[in-house]
Amino acid sequence: MPKNIVKASSVEELRKIPGYPSNSRFAKGIVAVLECEEEIPCNPCEDACPRKAIRIGTPITNLPVLNEELCIGCGICVAGCPGQAIFMVDKTYSEKEDLVGIPYEFLPVPKIGDLVKVANRNGEILGTGKVVKILDTKKNNKTKLIYIAVQKGYGEEARAIVVEK
């Protein structure tokens, strides 16, 4: 195993990854959260970011680094990640809710306003979230970016949804 690999099992461990935003950046609004923890030859996120906020450099097996000041939270990098390791998080969304953007490639596709089960990285259900926005462009190559409003404090935990048929 490469020496820099971090096998994260908690938010505390994920915070050690160079693509994970600081608490001060979370306080400024929506931001990309790069949970890439494997040193593999991959850089679509670097190419996808129009602001050059993601840097991998040389060698191509480096973990992506997030330049927090350049990230505007557009979400373009999310669909560009073949490992689905990028999420959007807005801890300033409202007083009672965080906003989480997740990559989604399943059927059925939820609709805006739908209530969905929200799961953490381990597939454990955290509760219910509400779909508030869906980005589905040709550029995303069939990967939708589903934004869900979740209970305040779950922005760093919510990473999947379960859509009832």
N, C-alpha and C. Protein backbone atom coordinates (compact mmCIF):
# COMPACT_ATOMS: atom_id res chain seq x y z
N MET A 1 0.87 -1.18 0.00
CA MET A 1 0.00 0.00 0.00
C MET A 1 0.91 1.24 0.00
N PRO A 2 0.61 2.23 -0.86
CA PRO A 2 1.41 3.46 -0.87
C PRO A 2 1.40 4.13 0.50
N LYS A 3 2.49 4.79 0.83
CA LYS A 3 2.64 5.36 2.17
C LYS A 3 1.66 6.48 2.48
N ASN A 4 1.20 7.23 1.48
CA ASN A 4 0.32 8.37 1.73
C ASN A 4 -1.16 8.02 1.75
N ILE A 5 -1.49 6.77 1.55
CA ILE A 5 -2.90 6.42 1.48
C ILE A 5 -3.51 6.47 2.88
N VAL A 6 -4.69 7.03 2.96
CA VAL A 6 -5.42 7.14 4.22
C VAL A 6 -6.71 6.37 4.05
N LYS A 7 -6.88 5.31 4.75
CA LYS A 7 -8.14 4.57 4.67
C LYS A 7 -9.06 5.13 5.74
N ALA A 8 -9.85 6.10 5.32
CA ALA A 8 -10.69 6.83 6.26
C ALA A 8 -11.96 6.06 6.58
N SER A 9 -12.29 6.02 7.83
CA SER A 9 -13.55 5.40 8.24
C SER A 9 -14.40 6.37 9.05
N SER A 10 -13.90 7.58 9.23
CA SER A 10 -14.66 8.58 9.97
C SER A 10 -14.38 9.96 9.38
N VAL A 11 -15.22 10.92 9.73
CA VAL A 11 -15.02 12.29 9.27
C VAL A 11 -13.68 12.81 9.76
N GLU A 12 -13.31 12.47 10.98
CA GLU A 12 -12.03 12.94 11.53
C GLU A 12 -10.87 12.46 10.67
N GLU A 13 -10.92 11.22 10.22
CA GLU A 13 -9.86 10.70 9.36
C GLU A 13 -9.92 11.33 7.98
N LEU A 14 -11.12 11.56 7.46
CA LEU A 14 -11.26 12.20 6.14
C LEU A 14 -10.68 13.61 6.14
N ARG A 15 -10.76 14.29 7.24
CA ARG A 15 -10.23 15.65 7.33
C ARG A 15 -8.72 15.70 7.09
N LYS A 16 -8.05 14.56 7.15
CA LYS A 16 -6.61 14.49 6.90
C LYS A 16 -6.29 14.42 5.41
N ILE A 17 -7.28 14.17 4.58
CA ILE A 17 -7.09 14.06 3.14
C ILE A 17 -6.95 15.48 2.57
N PRO A 18 -6.01 15.70 1.63
CA PRO A 18 -5.76 17.06 1.14
C PRO A 18 -6.91 17.70 0.37
N GLY A 19 -7.91 16.92 0.00
CA GLY A 19 -9.05 17.48 -0.72
C GLY A 19 -10.22 17.83 0.17
N TYR A 20 -10.02 17.71 1.48
CA TYR A 20 -11.12 17.96 2.42
C TYR A 20 -11.06 19.40 2.91
N PRO A 21 -12.16 20.14 2.79
CA PRO A 21 -12.17 21.55 3.20
C PRO A 21 -12.00 21.74 4.71
N SER A 22 -11.49 22.89 5.07
CA SER A 22 -11.35 23.25 6.48
C SER A 22 -12.69 23.73 7.03
N ASN A 23 -12.81 23.79 8.33
CA ASN A 23 -14.03 24.30 8.95
C ASN A 23 -14.27 25.76 8.56
N SER A 24 -13.21 26.54 8.43
CA SER A 24 -13.39 27.95 8.04
C SER A 24 -13.94 28.05 6.62
N ARG A 25 -13.57 27.13 5.72
CA ARG A 25 -14.12 27.16 4.36
C ARG A 25 -15.56 26.71 4.35
N PHE A 26 -15.90 25.69 5.15
CA PHE A 26 -17.30 25.26 5.27
C PHE A 26 -18.18 26.43 5.71
N ALA A 27 -17.66 27.29 6.56
CA ALA A 27 -18.43 28.41 7.09
C ALA A 27 -18.74 29.47 6.03
N LYS A 28 -18.07 29.41 4.89
CA LYS A 28 -18.28 30.40 3.82
C LYS A 28 -19.34 29.99 2.80
N GLY A 29 -19.86 28.76 2.90
CA GLY A 29 -20.88 28.31 1.95
C GLY A 29 -20.48 27.05 1.22
N ILE A 30 -21.21 26.77 0.16
CA ILE A 30 -21.04 25.50 -0.56
C ILE A 30 -19.62 25.33 -1.09
N VAL A 31 -19.14 24.09 -0.96
CA VAL A 31 -17.77 23.77 -1.34
C VAL A 31 -17.69 22.30 -1.76
N ALA A 32 -16.76 22.00 -2.65
CA ALA A 32 -16.50 20.62 -3.04
C ALA A 32 -15.76 19.91 -1.91
N VAL A 33 -16.15 18.68 -1.65
CA VAL A 33 -15.49 17.85 -0.65
C VAL A 33 -14.90 16.66 -1.40
N LEU A 34 -13.59 16.62 -1.51
CA LEU A 34 -12.89 15.57 -2.25
C LEU A 34 -12.51 14.47 -1.28
N GLU A 35 -13.23 13.36 -1.35
CA GLU A 35 -12.97 12.26 -0.44
C GLU A 35 -12.15 11.17 -1.13
N CYS A 36 -11.30 11.57 -2.03
CA CYS A 36 -10.43 10.66 -2.76
C CYS A 36 -9.26 10.30 -1.86
N GLU A 37 -9.11 9.02 -1.57
CA GLU A 37 -8.08 8.59 -0.65
C GLU A 37 -7.18 7.51 -1.22
N GLU A 38 -7.27 7.27 -2.53
CA GLU A 38 -6.45 6.24 -3.14
C GLU A 38 -5.50 6.85 -4.16
N GLU A 39 -4.26 6.50 -4.06
CA GLU A 39 -3.24 7.01 -4.98
C GLU A 39 -3.23 6.15 -6.24
N ILE A 40 -4.14 6.50 -7.14
CA ILE A 40 -4.27 5.79 -8.42
C ILE A 40 -4.10 6.82 -9.54
N PRO A 41 -3.76 6.38 -10.75
CA PRO A 41 -3.61 7.33 -11.85
C PRO A 41 -4.98 7.85 -12.31
N CYS A 42 -5.32 9.04 -11.84
CA CYS A 42 -6.64 9.59 -12.11
C CYS A 42 -6.58 11.11 -11.95
N ASN A 43 -7.15 11.85 -12.90
CA ASN A 43 -7.18 13.31 -12.75
C ASN A 43 -8.36 14.02 -13.43
N PRO A 44 -9.48 13.34 -13.71
CA PRO A 44 -10.60 14.04 -14.35
C PRO A 44 -11.12 15.23 -13.54
N CYS A 45 -11.04 15.17 -12.21
CA CYS A 45 -11.53 16.29 -11.40
C CYS A 45 -10.69 17.54 -11.65
N GLU A 46 -9.40 17.37 -11.79
CA GLU A 46 -8.50 18.49 -12.05
C GLU A 46 -8.86 19.14 -13.39
N ASP A 47 -9.12 18.32 -14.40
CA ASP A 47 -9.48 18.84 -15.72
C ASP A 47 -10.87 19.46 -15.73
N ALA A 48 -11.78 18.93 -14.91
CA ALA A 48 -13.16 19.40 -14.92
C ALA A 48 -13.36 20.77 -14.27
N CYS A 49 -12.55 21.10 -13.29
CA CYS A 49 -12.77 22.33 -12.53
C CYS A 49 -12.42 23.57 -13.36
N PRO A 50 -13.42 24.41 -13.64
CA PRO A 50 -13.18 25.60 -14.45
C PRO A 50 -12.35 26.66 -13.73
N ARG A 51 -12.27 26.59 -12.41
CA ARG A 51 -11.53 27.57 -11.62
C ARG A 51 -10.14 27.08 -11.22
N LYS A 52 -9.81 25.86 -11.61
CA LYS A 52 -8.52 25.26 -11.26
C LYS A 52 -8.33 25.15 -9.74
N ALA A 53 -9.44 24.84 -9.05
CA ALA A 53 -9.41 24.71 -7.60
C ALA A 53 -8.93 23.34 -7.15
N ILE A 54 -8.82 22.40 -8.09
CA ILE A 54 -8.37 21.06 -7.76
C ILE A 54 -7.05 20.81 -8.48
N ARG A 55 -6.07 20.37 -7.72
CA ARG A 55 -4.73 20.15 -8.28
C ARG A 55 -4.24 18.76 -7.91
N ILE A 56 -3.78 18.03 -8.91
CA ILE A 56 -3.17 16.73 -8.70
C ILE A 56 -1.68 16.82 -9.03
N GLY A 57 -1.38 17.40 -10.18
CA GLY A 57 0.01 17.58 -10.56
C GLY A 57 0.70 16.30 -10.95
N THR A 58 2.01 16.24 -10.68
CA THR A 58 2.83 15.11 -11.06
C THR A 58 3.44 14.49 -9.80
N PRO A 59 3.36 13.20 -9.64
CA PRO A 59 2.80 12.23 -10.58
C PRO A 59 1.28 12.22 -10.53
N ILE A 60 0.68 11.62 -11.52
CA ILE A 60 -0.77 11.59 -11.65
C ILE A 60 -1.43 10.75 -10.54
N THR A 61 -0.63 10.06 -9.75
CA THR A 61 -1.16 9.27 -8.63
C THR A 61 -1.27 10.08 -7.34
N ASN A 62 -0.91 11.36 -7.38
CA ASN A 62 -1.08 12.21 -6.19
C ASN A 62 -2.55 12.29 -5.81
N LEU A 63 -2.81 12.45 -4.53
CA LEU A 63 -4.18 12.73 -4.10
C LEU A 63 -4.54 14.15 -4.51
N PRO A 64 -5.79 14.39 -4.91
CA PRO A 64 -6.17 15.74 -5.27
C PRO A 64 -6.15 16.68 -4.08
N VAL A 65 -5.69 17.90 -4.34
CA VAL A 65 -5.63 18.95 -3.32
C VAL A 65 -6.66 20.01 -3.69
N LEU A 66 -7.44 20.43 -2.72
CA LEU A 66 -8.45 21.46 -2.94
C LEU A 66 -7.90 22.83 -2.55
N ASN A 67 -7.94 23.77 -3.48
CA ASN A 67 -7.63 25.16 -3.16
C ASN A 67 -8.96 25.78 -2.74
N GLU A 68 -9.16 25.89 -1.44
CA GLU A 68 -10.44 26.34 -0.88
C GLU A 68 -10.86 27.72 -1.36
N GLU A 69 -9.89 28.59 -1.58
CA GLU A 69 -10.22 29.95 -1.98
C GLU A 69 -10.71 30.03 -3.42
N LEU A 70 -10.31 29.09 -4.25
CA LEU A 70 -10.73 29.10 -5.65
C LEU A 70 -12.05 28.38 -5.88
N CYS A 71 -12.41 27.45 -5.00
CA CYS A 71 -13.64 26.67 -5.17
C CYS A 71 -14.87 27.55 -4.93
N ILE A 72 -15.74 27.59 -5.94
CA ILE A 72 -16.99 28.36 -5.82
C ILE A 72 -18.21 27.46 -5.63
N GLY A 73 -17.98 26.15 -5.53
CA GLY A 73 -19.09 25.23 -5.27
C GLY A 73 -19.99 24.98 -6.45
N CYS A 74 -19.45 25.05 -7.67
CA CYS A 74 -20.29 24.87 -8.87
C CYS A 74 -20.72 23.43 -9.07
N GLY A 75 -19.95 22.45 -8.58
CA GLY A 75 -20.32 21.05 -8.68
C GLY A 75 -19.90 20.36 -9.96
N ILE A 76 -19.24 21.05 -10.86
CA ILE A 76 -18.84 20.44 -12.13
C ILE A 76 -17.91 19.26 -11.91
N CYS A 77 -17.09 19.31 -10.90
CA CYS A 77 -16.13 18.24 -10.62
C CYS A 77 -16.81 16.94 -10.18
N VAL A 78 -18.01 17.01 -9.63
CA VAL A 78 -18.67 15.83 -9.07
C VAL A 78 -18.89 14.76 -10.13
N ALA A 79 -19.48 15.14 -11.26
CA ALA A 79 -19.76 14.17 -12.32
C ALA A 79 -18.48 13.73 -13.01
N GLY A 80 -17.43 14.52 -12.93
CA GLY A 80 -16.16 14.18 -13.57
C GLY A 80 -15.39 13.11 -12.83
N CYS A 81 -15.76 12.81 -11.61
CA CYS A 81 -15.02 11.83 -10.81
C CYS A 81 -15.56 10.42 -11.05
N PRO A 82 -14.76 9.55 -11.71
CA PRO A 82 -15.24 8.20 -11.97
C PRO A 82 -15.42 7.36 -10.70
N GLY A 83 -14.77 7.75 -9.63
CA GLY A 83 -14.90 7.02 -8.37
C GLY A 83 -16.01 7.52 -7.47
N GLN A 84 -16.75 8.53 -7.94
CA GLN A 84 -17.82 9.14 -7.14
C GLN A 84 -17.34 9.49 -5.74
N ALA A 85 -16.20 10.16 -5.69
CA ALA A 85 -15.57 10.51 -4.42
C ALA A 85 -15.62 12.01 -4.14
N ILE A 86 -16.46 12.75 -4.89
CA ILE A 86 -16.59 14.19 -4.67
C ILE A 86 -18.05 14.50 -4.35
N PHE A 87 -18.24 15.31 -3.34
CA PHE A 87 -19.57 15.72 -2.90
C PHE A 87 -19.58 17.22 -2.72
N MET A 88 -20.74 17.82 -2.76
CA MET A 88 -20.89 19.24 -2.47
C MET A 88 -21.54 19.35 -1.10
N VAL A 89 -21.04 20.25 -0.27
CA VAL A 89 -21.61 20.43 1.06
C VAL A 89 -21.76 21.91 1.35
N ASP A 90 -22.95 22.28 1.82
CA ASP A 90 -23.22 23.65 2.25
C ASP A 90 -23.78 23.60 3.66
N LYS A 91 -22.91 23.90 4.62
CA LYS A 91 -23.34 23.92 6.01
C LYS A 91 -24.05 25.22 6.38
N THR A 92 -24.10 26.17 5.45
CA THR A 92 -24.76 27.46 5.69
C THR A 92 -26.13 27.51 5.01
N TYR A 93 -26.62 26.40 4.51
CA TYR A 93 -27.86 26.35 3.73
C TYR A 93 -29.04 26.97 4.47
N SER A 94 -29.26 26.57 5.70
CA SER A 94 -30.31 27.18 6.53
C SER A 94 -29.99 26.92 8.00
N GLU A 95 -30.78 27.49 8.87
CA GLU A 95 -30.54 27.30 10.30
C GLU A 95 -30.79 25.86 10.74
N LYS A 96 -31.67 25.14 10.02
CA LYS A 96 -32.04 23.80 10.43
C LYS A 96 -31.52 22.69 9.52
N GLU A 97 -30.95 23.08 8.35
CA GLU A 97 -30.54 22.06 7.39
C GLU A 97 -29.18 22.38 6.75
N ASP A 98 -28.47 21.32 6.39
CA ASP A 98 -27.30 21.39 5.54
C ASP A 98 -27.74 20.93 4.15
N LEU A 99 -27.00 21.32 3.14
CA LEU A 99 -27.27 20.89 1.78
C LEU A 99 -26.12 20.00 1.33
N VAL A 100 -26.46 18.85 0.74
CA VAL A 100 -25.44 17.92 0.26
C VAL A 100 -25.75 17.58 -1.19
N GLY A 101 -24.74 17.71 -2.04
CA GLY A 101 -24.86 17.30 -3.44
C GLY A 101 -24.12 15.99 -3.64
N ILE A 102 -24.82 14.99 -4.17
CA ILE A 102 -24.22 13.68 -4.36
C ILE A 102 -24.33 13.25 -5.83
N PRO A 103 -23.34 12.49 -6.31
CA PRO A 103 -23.47 11.93 -7.66
C PRO A 103 -24.49 10.81 -7.63
N TYR A 104 -25.30 10.70 -8.69
CA TYR A 104 -26.37 9.70 -8.70
C TYR A 104 -26.50 9.12 -10.10
N GLU A 105 -26.42 7.79 -10.20
CA GLU A 105 -26.48 7.11 -11.49
C GLU A 105 -27.49 5.96 -11.51
N PHE A 106 -28.52 6.03 -10.69
CA PHE A 106 -29.46 4.93 -10.57
C PHE A 106 -30.85 5.33 -11.07
N LEU A 107 -31.71 4.32 -11.20
CA LEU A 107 -33.13 4.53 -11.49
C LEU A 107 -33.91 3.93 -10.34
N PRO A 108 -35.01 4.49 -9.95
CA PRO A 108 -35.59 5.71 -10.51
C PRO A 108 -34.84 6.95 -10.02
N VAL A 109 -34.93 7.98 -10.82
CA VAL A 109 -34.36 9.28 -10.46
C VAL A 109 -35.40 10.01 -9.62
N PRO A 110 -35.00 10.52 -8.46
CA PRO A 110 -35.98 11.26 -7.65
C PRO A 110 -36.36 12.57 -8.33
N LYS A 111 -37.41 13.16 -7.85
CA LYS A 111 -37.88 14.45 -8.36
C LYS A 111 -37.69 15.51 -7.27
N ILE A 112 -37.60 16.74 -7.69
CA ILE A 112 -37.50 17.84 -6.73
C ILE A 112 -38.72 17.80 -5.82
N GLY A 113 -38.49 17.89 -4.54
CA GLY A 113 -39.55 17.82 -3.54
C GLY A 113 -39.71 16.45 -2.91
N ASP A 114 -39.16 15.41 -3.56
CA ASP A 114 -39.26 14.06 -3.01
C ASP A 114 -38.52 13.95 -1.68
N LEU A 115 -39.08 13.16 -0.78
CA LEU A 115 -38.40 12.80 0.45
C LEU A 115 -37.69 11.48 0.20
N VAL A 116 -36.43 11.41 0.59
CA VAL A 116 -35.62 10.22 0.36
C VAL A 116 -34.92 9.83 1.65
N LYS A 117 -34.60 8.55 1.76
CA LYS A 117 -33.78 8.11 2.89
C LYS A 117 -32.35 8.53 2.61
N VAL A 118 -31.68 9.00 3.63
CA VAL A 118 -30.30 9.47 3.51
C VAL A 118 -29.40 8.50 4.27
N ALA A 119 -28.32 8.09 3.58
CA ALA A 119 -27.39 7.13 4.19
C ALA A 119 -26.00 7.73 4.33
N ASN A 120 -25.23 7.17 5.25
CA ASN A 120 -23.84 7.60 5.43
C ASN A 120 -22.93 6.76 4.53
N ARG A 121 -21.63 6.90 4.68
CA ARG A 121 -20.65 6.18 3.85
C ARG A 121 -20.74 4.67 4.00
N ASN A 122 -21.26 4.21 5.12
CA ASN A 122 -21.37 2.78 5.38
C ASN A 122 -22.73 2.21 5.00
N GLY A 123 -23.59 3.06 4.43
CA GLY A 123 -24.92 2.60 4.03
C GLY A 123 -25.95 2.63 5.14
N GLU A 124 -25.57 3.15 6.29
CA GLU A 124 -26.49 3.22 7.42
C GLU A 124 -27.41 4.42 7.23
N ILE A 125 -28.69 4.22 7.43
CA ILE A 125 -29.68 5.28 7.24
C ILE A 125 -29.57 6.30 8.38
N LEU A 126 -29.42 7.57 7.98
CA LEU A 126 -29.32 8.65 8.96
C LEU A 126 -30.68 9.28 9.25
N GLY A 127 -31.57 9.21 8.27
CA GLY A 127 -32.87 9.85 8.40
C GLY A 127 -33.42 10.15 7.02
N THR A 128 -34.24 11.20 6.95
CA THR A 128 -34.89 11.59 5.71
C THR A 128 -34.35 12.94 5.24
N GLY A 129 -34.21 13.06 3.94
CA GLY A 129 -33.81 14.32 3.33
C GLY A 129 -34.78 14.69 2.23
N LYS A 130 -34.72 15.93 1.80
CA LYS A 130 -35.62 16.40 0.74
C LYS A 130 -34.79 16.81 -0.47
N VAL A 131 -35.16 16.31 -1.64
CA VAL A 131 -34.49 16.67 -2.88
C VAL A 131 -34.87 18.11 -3.23
N VAL A 132 -33.88 18.99 -3.34
CA VAL A 132 -34.17 20.41 -3.60
C VAL A 132 -33.66 20.88 -4.97
N LYS A 133 -32.76 20.09 -5.58
CA LYS A 133 -32.21 20.51 -6.86
C LYS A 133 -31.58 19.30 -7.54
N ILE A 134 -31.70 19.25 -8.88
CA ILE A 134 -31.09 18.18 -9.65
C ILE A 134 -30.38 18.80 -10.84
N LEU A 135 -29.08 18.53 -10.98
CA LEU A 135 -28.34 18.97 -12.15
C LEU A 135 -28.14 17.76 -13.05
N ASP A 136 -28.61 17.87 -14.28
CA ASP A 136 -28.53 16.77 -15.24
C ASP A 136 -28.22 17.36 -16.60
N THR A 137 -26.94 17.47 -16.90
CA THR A 137 -26.54 18.04 -18.18
C THR A 137 -25.84 16.99 -19.03
N LYS A 138 -25.79 17.20 -20.33
CA LYS A 138 -25.09 16.28 -21.23
C LYS A 138 -23.62 16.17 -20.84
N LYS A 139 -23.06 17.26 -20.36
CA LYS A 139 -21.66 17.29 -19.95
C LYS A 139 -21.39 16.30 -18.81
N ASN A 140 -22.41 16.02 -18.00
CA ASN A 140 -22.26 15.11 -16.86
C ASN A 140 -22.30 13.64 -17.25
N ASN A 141 -22.51 13.34 -18.54
CA ASN A 141 -22.47 11.97 -19.04
C ASN A 141 -23.35 11.02 -18.22
N LYS A 142 -24.59 11.40 -18.03
CA LYS A 142 -25.62 10.60 -17.34
C LYS A 142 -25.46 10.52 -15.83
N THR A 143 -24.47 11.17 -15.26
CA THR A 143 -24.37 11.26 -13.81
C THR A 143 -25.13 12.50 -13.38
N LYS A 144 -26.13 12.31 -12.56
CA LYS A 144 -26.89 13.44 -12.04
C LYS A 144 -26.27 13.91 -10.73
N LEU A 145 -26.40 15.17 -10.48
CA LEU A 145 -25.98 15.73 -9.20
C LEU A 145 -27.24 16.07 -8.44
N ILE A 146 -27.53 15.27 -7.43
CA ILE A 146 -28.75 15.42 -6.64
C ILE A 146 -28.41 16.18 -5.36
N TYR A 147 -29.09 17.31 -5.15
CA TYR A 147 -28.90 18.09 -3.93
C TYR A 147 -30.04 17.78 -2.97
N ILE A 148 -29.66 17.40 -1.75
CA ILE A 148 -30.65 17.08 -0.73
C ILE A 148 -30.43 17.94 0.50
N ALA A 149 -31.53 18.41 1.05
CA ALA A 149 -31.49 19.13 2.32
C ALA A 149 -31.58 18.07 3.42
N VAL A 150 -30.61 18.09 4.32
CA VAL A 150 -30.55 17.11 5.40
C VAL A 150 -30.53 17.84 6.73
N GLN A 151 -30.81 17.11 7.79
CA GLN A 151 -30.79 17.68 9.13
C GLN A 151 -29.45 18.35 9.40
N LYS A 152 -29.50 19.51 10.03
CA LYS A 152 -28.29 20.26 10.39
C LYS A 152 -27.30 19.33 11.11
N GLY A 153 -26.05 19.39 10.69
CA GLY A 153 -25.03 18.55 11.28
C GLY A 153 -24.72 17.29 10.50
N TYR A 154 -25.56 16.96 9.52
CA TYR A 154 -25.34 15.75 8.72
C TYR A 154 -24.65 16.03 7.39
N GLY A 155 -24.24 17.26 7.13
CA GLY A 155 -23.61 17.61 5.87
C GLY A 155 -22.34 16.82 5.59
N GLU A 156 -21.58 16.53 6.61
CA GLU A 156 -20.35 15.78 6.41
C GLU A 156 -20.57 14.27 6.49
N GLU A 157 -21.76 13.85 6.83
CA GLU A 157 -22.06 12.42 6.97
C GLU A 157 -22.87 11.86 5.81
N ALA A 158 -23.86 12.61 5.32
CA ALA A 158 -24.77 12.12 4.27
C ALA A 158 -24.02 11.97 2.95
N ARG A 159 -24.03 10.73 2.39
CA ARG A 159 -23.30 10.48 1.15
C ARG A 159 -24.06 9.63 0.14
N ALA A 160 -25.29 9.25 0.46
CA ALA A 160 -26.08 8.46 -0.47
C ALA A 160 -27.55 8.64 -0.16
N ILE A 161 -28.37 8.33 -1.15
CA ILE A 161 -29.82 8.36 -0.93
C ILE A 161 -30.44 7.04 -1.38
N VAL A 162 -31.56 6.72 -0.78
CA VAL A 162 -32.35 5.56 -1.16
C VAL A 162 -33.67 6.10 -1.66
N VAL A 163 -33.97 5.82 -2.93
CA VAL A 163 -35.21 6.29 -3.54
C VAL A 163 -36.20 5.12 -3.58
N GLU A 164 -37.35 5.34 -2.99
CA GLU A 164 -38.39 4.30 -2.99
C GLU A 164 -39.06 4.28 -4.37
N LYS A 165 -39.37 3.09 -4.85
CA LYS A 165 -40.03 2.95 -6.16
C LYS A 165 -41.49 3.29 -6.04
